[in-house]
Amino acid sequence: MPQLLIAQSGLEGRIGELIADLVRLMNVVIIGFIAWAGLLIAKGESSGLTRLVYGVIGLVVVNAAQMIIDYFM
């Protein structure tokens, strides 16, 4: 029985690492999206502002989800 608990905690740790890696990847993608939206705004396109807002909201949601996961793990 103790071996089962060790295996579960190891699996839980691996899942936590995987989630943290995915959040880092999503942050990089979202920052790229925000930079692209900034370039669209600088070019004068009105769709850039909407994309900028979506990017910021996405960044907040992804990082808030990570905070919630960290709280429970």
PDB file of N, CA and C in Angstrom:
ATOM      1  N   MET A   1       0.808  -1.202   0.000  1.00  0.00           N
ATOM      2  CA  MET A   1       0.000   0.000   0.000  1.00  0.00           C
ATOM      3  C   MET A   1       0.856   1.274   0.000  1.00  0.00           C
ATOM      4  N   PRO A   2       1.937   1.381   0.760  1.00  0.00           N
ATOM      5  CA  PRO A   2       2.756   2.600   0.701  1.00  0.00           C
ATOM      6  C   PRO A   2       3.337   2.855  -0.684  1.00  0.00           C
ATOM      7  N   GLN A   3       3.615   1.783  -1.450  1.00  0.00           N
ATOM      8  CA  GLN A   3       4.143   1.973  -2.792  1.00  0.00           C
ATOM      9  C   GLN A   3       3.116   2.654  -3.688  1.00  0.00           C
ATOM     10  N   LEU A   4       1.864   2.347  -3.482  1.00  0.00           N
ATOM     11  CA  LEU A   4       0.805   2.962  -4.266  1.00  0.00           C
ATOM     12  C   LEU A   4       0.748   4.467  -3.997  1.00  0.00           C
ATOM     13  N   LEU A   5       0.898   4.861  -2.737  1.00  0.00           N
ATOM     14  CA  LEU A   5       0.867   6.280  -2.395  1.00  0.00           C
ATOM     15  C   LEU A   5       2.048   7.015  -3.002  1.00  0.00           C
ATOM     16  N   ILE A   6       3.213   6.394  -3.013  1.00  0.00           N
ATOM     17  CA  ILE A   6       4.390   7.021  -3.617  1.00  0.00           C
ATOM     18  C   ILE A   6       4.178   7.181  -5.119  1.00  0.00           C
ATOM     19  N   ALA A   7       3.607   6.177  -5.750  1.00  0.00           N
ATOM     20  CA  ALA A   7       3.358   6.243  -7.185  1.00  0.00           C
ATOM     21  C   ALA A   7       2.351   7.349  -7.508  1.00  0.00           C
ATOM     22  N   GLN A   8       1.342   7.494  -6.674  1.00  0.00           N
ATOM     23  CA  GLN A   8       0.355   8.535  -6.920  1.00  0.00           C
ATOM     24  C   GLN A   8       0.973   9.920  -6.761  1.00  0.00           C
ATOM     25  N   SER A   9       1.802  10.109  -5.744  1.00  0.00           N
ATOM     26  CA  SER A   9       2.404  11.420  -5.556  1.00  0.00           C
ATOM     27  C   SER A   9       3.387  11.717  -6.683  1.00  0.00           C
ATOM     28  N   GLY A  10       4.081  10.699  -7.204  1.00  0.00           N
ATOM     29  CA  GLY A  10       4.968  10.907  -8.338  1.00  0.00           C
ATOM     30  C   GLY A  10       4.200  11.292  -9.582  1.00  0.00           C
ATOM     31  N   LEU A  11       3.074  10.629  -9.798  1.00  0.00           N
ATOM     32  CA  LEU A  11       2.229  10.950 -10.946  1.00  0.00           C
ATOM     33  C   LEU A  11       1.639  12.347 -10.799  1.00  0.00           C
ATOM     34  N   GLU A  12       1.247  12.690  -9.592  1.00  0.00           N
ATOM     35  CA  GLU A  12       0.690  14.008  -9.344  1.00  0.00           C
ATOM     36  C   GLU A  12       1.733  15.090  -9.616  1.00  0.00           C
ATOM     37  N   GLY A  13       2.970  14.822  -9.237  1.00  0.00           N
ATOM     38  CA  GLY A  13       4.050  15.771  -9.496  1.00  0.00           C
ATOM     39  C   GLY A  13       4.301  15.943 -10.982  1.00  0.00           C
ATOM     40  N   ARG A  14       4.259  14.829 -11.718  1.00  0.00           N
ATOM     41  CA  ARG A  14       4.476  14.895 -13.168  1.00  0.00           C
ATOM     42  C   ARG A  14       3.344  15.670 -13.852  1.00  0.00           C
ATOM     43  N   ILE A  15       2.125  15.452 -13.379  1.00  0.00           N
ATOM     44  CA  ILE A  15       0.999  16.180 -13.956  1.00  0.00           C
ATOM     45  C   ILE A  15       1.141  17.676 -13.669  1.00  0.00           C
ATOM     46  N   GLY A  16       1.560  18.010 -12.463  1.00  0.00           N
ATOM     47  CA  GLY A  16       1.773  19.416 -12.113  1.00  0.00           C
ATOM     48  C   GLY A  16       2.855  20.052 -12.976  1.00  0.00           C
ATOM     49  N   GLU A  17       3.933  19.319 -13.235  1.00  0.00           N
ATOM     50  CA  GLU A  17       4.995  19.830 -14.100  1.00  0.00           C
ATOM     51  C   GLU A  17       4.493  20.020 -15.527  1.00  0.00           C
ATOM     52  N   LEU A  18       3.696  19.078 -16.005  1.00  0.00           N
ATOM     53  CA  LEU A  18       3.141  19.172 -17.347  1.00  0.00           C
ATOM     54  C   LEU A  18       2.229  20.391 -17.477  1.00  0.00           C
ATOM     55  N   ILE A  19       1.401  20.615 -16.478  1.00  0.00           N
ATOM     56  CA  ILE A  19       0.508  21.774 -16.502  1.00  0.00           C
ATOM     57  C   ILE A  19       1.311  23.063 -16.484  1.00  0.00           C
ATOM     58  N   ALA A  20       2.356  23.123 -15.656  1.00  0.00           N
ATOM     59  CA  ALA A  20       3.196  24.324 -15.596  1.00  0.00           C
ATOM     60  C   ALA A  20       3.882  24.576 -16.935  1.00  0.00           C
ATOM     61  N   ASP A  21       4.347  23.526 -17.598  1.00  0.00           N
ATOM     62  CA  ASP A  21       4.980  23.682 -18.910  1.00  0.00           C
ATOM     63  C   ASP A  21       3.979  24.179 -19.953  1.00  0.00           C
ATOM     64  N   LEU A  22       2.764  23.654 -19.912  1.00  0.00           N
ATOM     65  CA  LEU A  22       1.742  24.099 -20.854  1.00  0.00           C
ATOM     66  C   LEU A  22       1.354  25.559 -20.620  1.00  0.00           C
ATOM     67  N   VAL A  23       1.333  25.971 -19.360  1.00  0.00           N
ATOM     68  CA  VAL A  23       1.012  27.365 -19.061  1.00  0.00           C
ATOM     69  C   VAL A  23       2.121  28.278 -19.574  1.00  0.00           C
ATOM     70  N   ARG A  24       3.377  27.864 -19.405  1.00  0.00           N
ATOM     71  CA  ARG A  24       4.488  28.661 -19.945  1.00  0.00           C
ATOM     72  C   ARG A  24       4.379  28.781 -21.465  1.00  0.00           C
ATOM     73  N   LEU A  25       4.069  27.684 -22.131  1.00  0.00           N
ATOM     74  CA  LEU A  25       3.917  27.699 -23.581  1.00  0.00           C
ATOM     75  C   LEU A  25       2.773  28.621 -23.995  1.00  0.00           C
ATOM     76  N   MET A  26       1.661  28.530 -23.294  1.00  0.00           N
ATOM     77  CA  MET A  26       0.520  29.395 -23.611  1.00  0.00           C
ATOM     78  C   MET A  26       0.865  30.869 -23.387  1.00  0.00           C
ATOM     79  N   ASN A  27       1.640  31.159 -22.340  1.00  0.00           N
ATOM     80  CA  ASN A  27       2.057  32.540 -22.089  1.00  0.00           C
ATOM     81  C   ASN A  27       2.890  33.076 -23.252  1.00  0.00           C
ATOM     82  N   VAL A  28       3.790  32.260 -23.775  1.00  0.00           N
ATOM     83  CA  VAL A  28       4.618  32.684 -24.909  1.00  0.00           C
ATOM     84  C   VAL A  28       3.741  32.942 -26.132  1.00  0.00           C
ATOM     85  N   VAL A  29       2.804  32.052 -26.391  1.00  0.00           N
ATOM     86  CA  VAL A  29       1.906  32.218 -27.541  1.00  0.00           C
ATOM     87  C   VAL A  29       1.053  33.474 -27.379  1.00  0.00           C
ATOM     88  N   ILE A  30       0.533  33.691 -26.195  1.00  0.00           N
ATOM     89  CA  ILE A  30      -0.332  34.858 -25.960  1.00  0.00           C
ATOM     90  C   ILE A  30       0.469  36.156 -26.056  1.00  0.00           C
ATOM     91  N   ILE A  31       1.688  36.167 -25.556  1.00  0.00           N
ATOM     92  CA  ILE A  31       2.514  37.375 -25.668  1.00  0.00           C
ATOM     93  C   ILE A  31       2.800  37.675 -27.138  1.00  0.00           C
ATOM     94  N   GLY A  32       3.043  36.637 -27.931  1.00  0.00           N
ATOM     95  CA  GLY A  32       3.208  36.833 -29.371  1.00  0.00           C
ATOM     96  C   GLY A  32       1.953  37.395 -30.008  1.00  0.00           C
ATOM     97  N   PHE A  33       0.804  36.894 -29.579  1.00  0.00           N
ATOM     98  CA  PHE A  33      -0.482  37.381 -30.078  1.00  0.00           C
ATOM     99  C   PHE A  33      -0.681  38.855 -29.721  1.00  0.00           C
ATOM    100  N   ILE A  34      -0.300  39.222 -28.497  1.00  0.00           N
ATOM    101  CA  ILE A  34      -0.427  40.623 -28.060  1.00  0.00           C
ATOM    102  C   ILE A  34       0.513  41.516 -28.864  1.00  0.00           C
ATOM    103  N   ALA A  35       1.732  41.043 -29.117  1.00  0.00           N
ATOM    104  CA  ALA A  35       2.676  41.827 -29.921  1.00  0.00           C
ATOM    105  C   ALA A  35       2.148  42.020 -31.346  1.00  0.00           C
ATOM    106  N   TRP A  36       1.574  40.957 -31.907  1.00  0.00           N
ATOM    107  CA  TRP A  36       0.998  41.048 -33.239  1.00  0.00           C
ATOM    108  C   TRP A  36      -0.155  42.050 -33.251  1.00  0.00           C
ATOM    109  N   ALA A  37      -0.986  42.032 -32.221  1.00  0.00           N
ATOM    110  CA  ALA A  37      -2.091  42.988 -32.128  1.00  0.00           C
ATOM    111  C   ALA A  37      -1.550  44.413 -32.027  1.00  0.00           C
ATOM    112  N   GLY A  38      -0.450  44.585 -31.290  1.00  0.00           N
ATOM    113  CA  GLY A  38       0.166  45.904 -31.202  1.00  0.00           C
ATOM    114  C   GLY A  38       0.673  46.393 -32.546  1.00  0.00           C
ATOM    115  N   LEU A  39       1.226  45.482 -33.336  1.00  0.00           N
ATOM    116  CA  LEU A  39       1.681  45.867 -34.676  1.00  0.00           C
ATOM    117  C   LEU A  39       0.498  46.246 -35.566  1.00  0.00           C
ATOM    118  N   LEU A  40      -0.614  45.534 -35.415  1.00  0.00           N
ATOM    119  CA  LEU A  40      -1.805  45.894 -36.186  1.00  0.00           C
ATOM    120  C   LEU A  40      -2.325  47.277 -35.790  1.00  0.00           C
ATOM    121  N   ILE A  41      -2.273  47.583 -34.500  1.00  0.00           N
ATOM    122  CA  ILE A  41      -2.713  48.903 -34.030  1.00  0.00           C
ATOM    123  C   ILE A  41      -1.789  49.979 -34.589  1.00  0.00           C
ATOM    124  N   ALA A  42      -0.477  49.704 -34.576  1.00  0.00           N
ATOM    125  CA  ALA A  42       0.481  50.678 -35.101  1.00  0.00           C
ATOM    126  C   ALA A  42       0.282  50.904 -36.597  1.00  0.00           C
ATOM    127  N   LYS A  43      -0.184  49.862 -37.288  1.00  0.00           N
ATOM    128  CA  LYS A  43      -0.442  49.964 -38.720  1.00  0.00           C
ATOM    129  C   LYS A  43      -1.742  50.717 -39.003  1.00  0.00           C
ATOM    130  N   GLY A  44      -2.575  50.864 -37.987  1.00  0.00           N
ATOM    131  CA  GLY A  44      -3.811  51.610 -38.153  1.00  0.00           C
ATOM    132  C   GLY A  44      -5.049  50.756 -38.348  1.00  0.00           C
ATOM    133  N   GLU A  45      -4.919  49.456 -38.181  1.00  0.00           N
ATOM    134  CA  GLU A  45      -6.084  48.588 -38.345  1.00  0.00           C
ATOM    135  C   GLU A  45      -6.907  48.574 -37.054  1.00  0.00           C
ATOM    136  N   SER A  46      -8.202  48.699 -37.209  1.00  0.00           N
ATOM    137  CA  SER A  46      -9.069  48.758 -36.032  1.00  0.00           C
ATOM    138  C   SER A  46      -9.236  47.396 -35.360  1.00  0.00           C
ATOM    139  N   SER A  47      -8.992  46.308 -36.078  1.00  0.00           N
ATOM    140  CA  SER A  47      -9.141  44.977 -35.480  1.00  0.00           C
ATOM    141  C   SER A  47      -8.036  44.695 -34.454  1.00  0.00           C
ATOM    142  N   GLY A  48      -6.969  45.468 -34.501  1.00  0.00           N
ATOM    143  CA  GLY A  48      -5.863  45.259 -33.566  1.00  0.00           C
ATOM    144  C   GLY A  48      -6.264  45.499 -32.125  1.00  0.00           C
ATOM    145  N   LEU A  49      -7.125  46.470 -31.891  1.00  0.00           N
ATOM    146  CA  LEU A  49      -7.556  46.766 -30.522  1.00  0.00           C
ATOM    147  C   LEU A  49      -8.374  45.614 -29.937  1.00  0.00           C
ATOM    148  N   THR A  50      -9.254  45.050 -30.743  1.00  0.00           N
ATOM    149  CA  THR A  50     -10.052  43.905 -30.289  1.00  0.00           C
ATOM    150  C   THR A  50      -9.148  42.727 -29.978  1.00  0.00           C
ATOM    151  N   ARG A  51      -8.179  42.473 -30.844  1.00  0.00           N
ATOM    152  CA  ARG A  51      -7.252  41.361 -30.622  1.00  0.00           C
ATOM    153  C   ARG A  51      -6.390  41.597 -29.396  1.00  0.00           C
ATOM    154  N   LEU A  52      -6.026  42.851 -29.155  1.00  0.00           N
ATOM    155  CA  LEU A  52      -5.251  43.172 -27.961  1.00  0.00           C
ATOM    156  C   LEU A  52      -6.046  42.867 -26.698  1.00  0.00           C
ATOM    157  N   VAL A  53      -7.304  43.240 -26.694  1.00  0.00           N
ATOM    158  CA  VAL A  53      -8.168  42.965 -25.540  1.00  0.00           C
ATOM    159  C   VAL A  53      -8.310  41.457 -25.333  1.00  0.00           C
ATOM    160  N   TYR A  54      -8.521  40.700 -26.422  1.00  0.00           N
ATOM    161  CA  TYR A  54      -8.623  39.241 -26.310  1.00  0.00           C
ATOM    162  C   TYR A  54      -7.328  38.642 -25.778  1.00  0.00           C
ATOM    163  N   GLY A  55      -6.204  39.164 -26.209  1.00  0.00           N
ATOM    164  CA  GLY A  55      -4.915  38.659 -25.740  1.00  0.00           C
ATOM    165  C   GLY A  55      -4.714  38.896 -24.256  1.00  0.00           C
ATOM    166  N   VAL A  56      -5.043  40.076 -23.801  1.00  0.00           N
ATOM    167  CA  VAL A  56      -4.895  40.391 -22.375  1.00  0.00           C
ATOM    168  C   VAL A  56      -5.847  39.544 -21.536  1.00  0.00           C
ATOM    169  N   ILE A  57      -7.072  39.389 -21.996  1.00  0.00           N
ATOM    170  CA  ILE A  57      -8.031  38.542 -21.278  1.00  0.00           C
ATOM    171  C   ILE A  57      -7.537  37.100 -21.238  1.00  0.00           C
ATOM    172  N   GLY A  58      -7.008  36.611 -22.352  1.00  0.00           N
ATOM    173  CA  GLY A  58      -6.454  35.251 -22.394  1.00  0.00           C
ATOM    174  C   GLY A  58      -5.297  35.082 -21.430  1.00  0.00           C
ATOM    175  N   LEU A  59      -4.429  36.076 -21.364  1.00  0.00           N
ATOM    176  CA  LEU A  59      -3.296  36.019 -20.445  1.00  0.00           C
ATOM    177  C   LEU A  59      -3.765  35.960 -18.992  1.00  0.00           C
ATOM    178  N   VAL A  60      -4.756  36.752 -18.660  1.00  0.00           N
ATOM    179  CA  VAL A  60      -5.293  36.754 -17.296  1.00  0.00           C
ATOM    180  C   VAL A  60      -5.950  35.411 -16.976  1.00  0.00           C
ATOM    181  N   VAL A  61      -6.728  34.874 -17.905  1.00  0.00           N
ATOM    182  CA  VAL A  61      -7.429  33.615 -17.662  1.00  0.00           C
ATOM    183  C   VAL A  61      -6.450  32.464 -17.475  1.00  0.00           C
ATOM    184  N   VAL A  62      -5.443  32.374 -18.331  1.00  0.00           N
ATOM    185  CA  VAL A  62      -4.468  31.282 -18.243  1.00  0.00           C
ATOM    186  C   VAL A  62      -3.704  31.339 -16.925  1.00  0.00           C
ATOM    187  N   ASN A  63      -3.273  32.528 -16.543  1.00  0.00           N
ATOM    188  CA  ASN A  63      -2.506  32.642 -15.301  1.00  0.00           C
ATOM    189  C   ASN A  63      -3.383  32.498 -14.063  1.00  0.00           C
ATOM    190  N   ALA A  64      -4.630  32.913 -14.131  1.00  0.00           N
ATOM    191  CA  ALA A  64      -5.542  32.697 -13.012  1.00  0.00           C
ATOM    192  C   ALA A  64      -5.817  31.210 -12.836  1.00  0.00           C
ATOM    193  N   ALA A  65      -5.956  30.493 -13.938  1.00  0.00           N
ATOM    194  CA  ALA A  65      -6.163  29.046 -13.858  1.00  0.00           C
ATOM    195  C   ALA A  65      -4.956  28.367 -13.218  1.00  0.00           C
ATOM    196  N   GLN A  66      -3.757  28.833 -13.569  1.00  0.00           N
ATOM    197  CA  GLN A  66      -2.543  28.272 -12.958  1.00  0.00           C
ATOM    198  C   GLN A  66      -2.509  28.543 -11.452  1.00  0.00           C
ATOM    199  N   MET A  67      -2.932  29.722 -11.046  1.00  0.00           N
ATOM    200  CA  MET A  67      -2.959  30.047  -9.617  1.00  0.00           C
ATOM    201  C   MET A  67      -3.944  29.146  -8.881  1.00  0.00           C
ATOM    202  N   ILE A  68      -5.087  28.872  -9.482  1.00  0.00           N
ATOM    203  CA  ILE A  68      -6.076  28.004  -8.857  1.00  0.00           C
ATOM    204  C   ILE A  68      -5.529  26.579  -8.730  1.00  0.00           C
ATOM    205  N   ILE A  69      -4.883  26.098  -9.777  1.00  0.00           N
ATOM    206  CA  ILE A  69      -4.298  24.757  -9.740  1.00  0.00           C
ATOM    207  C   ILE A  69      -3.215  24.670  -8.673  1.00  0.00           C
ATOM    208  N   ASP A  70      -2.362  25.698  -8.596  1.00  0.00           N
ATOM    209  CA  ASP A  70      -1.305  25.715  -7.576  1.00  0.00           C
ATOM    210  C   ASP A  70      -1.892  25.710  -6.160  1.00  0.00           C
ATOM    211  N   TYR A  71      -3.007  26.379  -5.992  1.00  0.00           N
ATOM    212  CA  TYR A  71      -3.640  26.450  -4.680  1.00  0.00           C
ATOM    213  C   TYR A  71      -4.105  25.063  -4.221  1.00  0.00           C
ATOM    214  N   PHE A  72      -4.654  24.281  -5.137  1.00  0.00           N
ATOM    215  CA  PHE A  72      -5.188  22.977  -4.762  1.00  0.00           C
ATOM    216  C   PHE A  72      -4.164  21.858  -4.817  1.00  0.00           C
ATOM    217  N   MET A  73      -3.025  22.061  -5.464  1.00  0.00           N
ATOM    218  CA  MET A  73      -2.019  21.010  -5.527  1.00  0.00           C
ATOM    219  C   MET A  73      -1.023  21.276  -4.477  1.00  0.00           C
TER     220      MET A  73
END
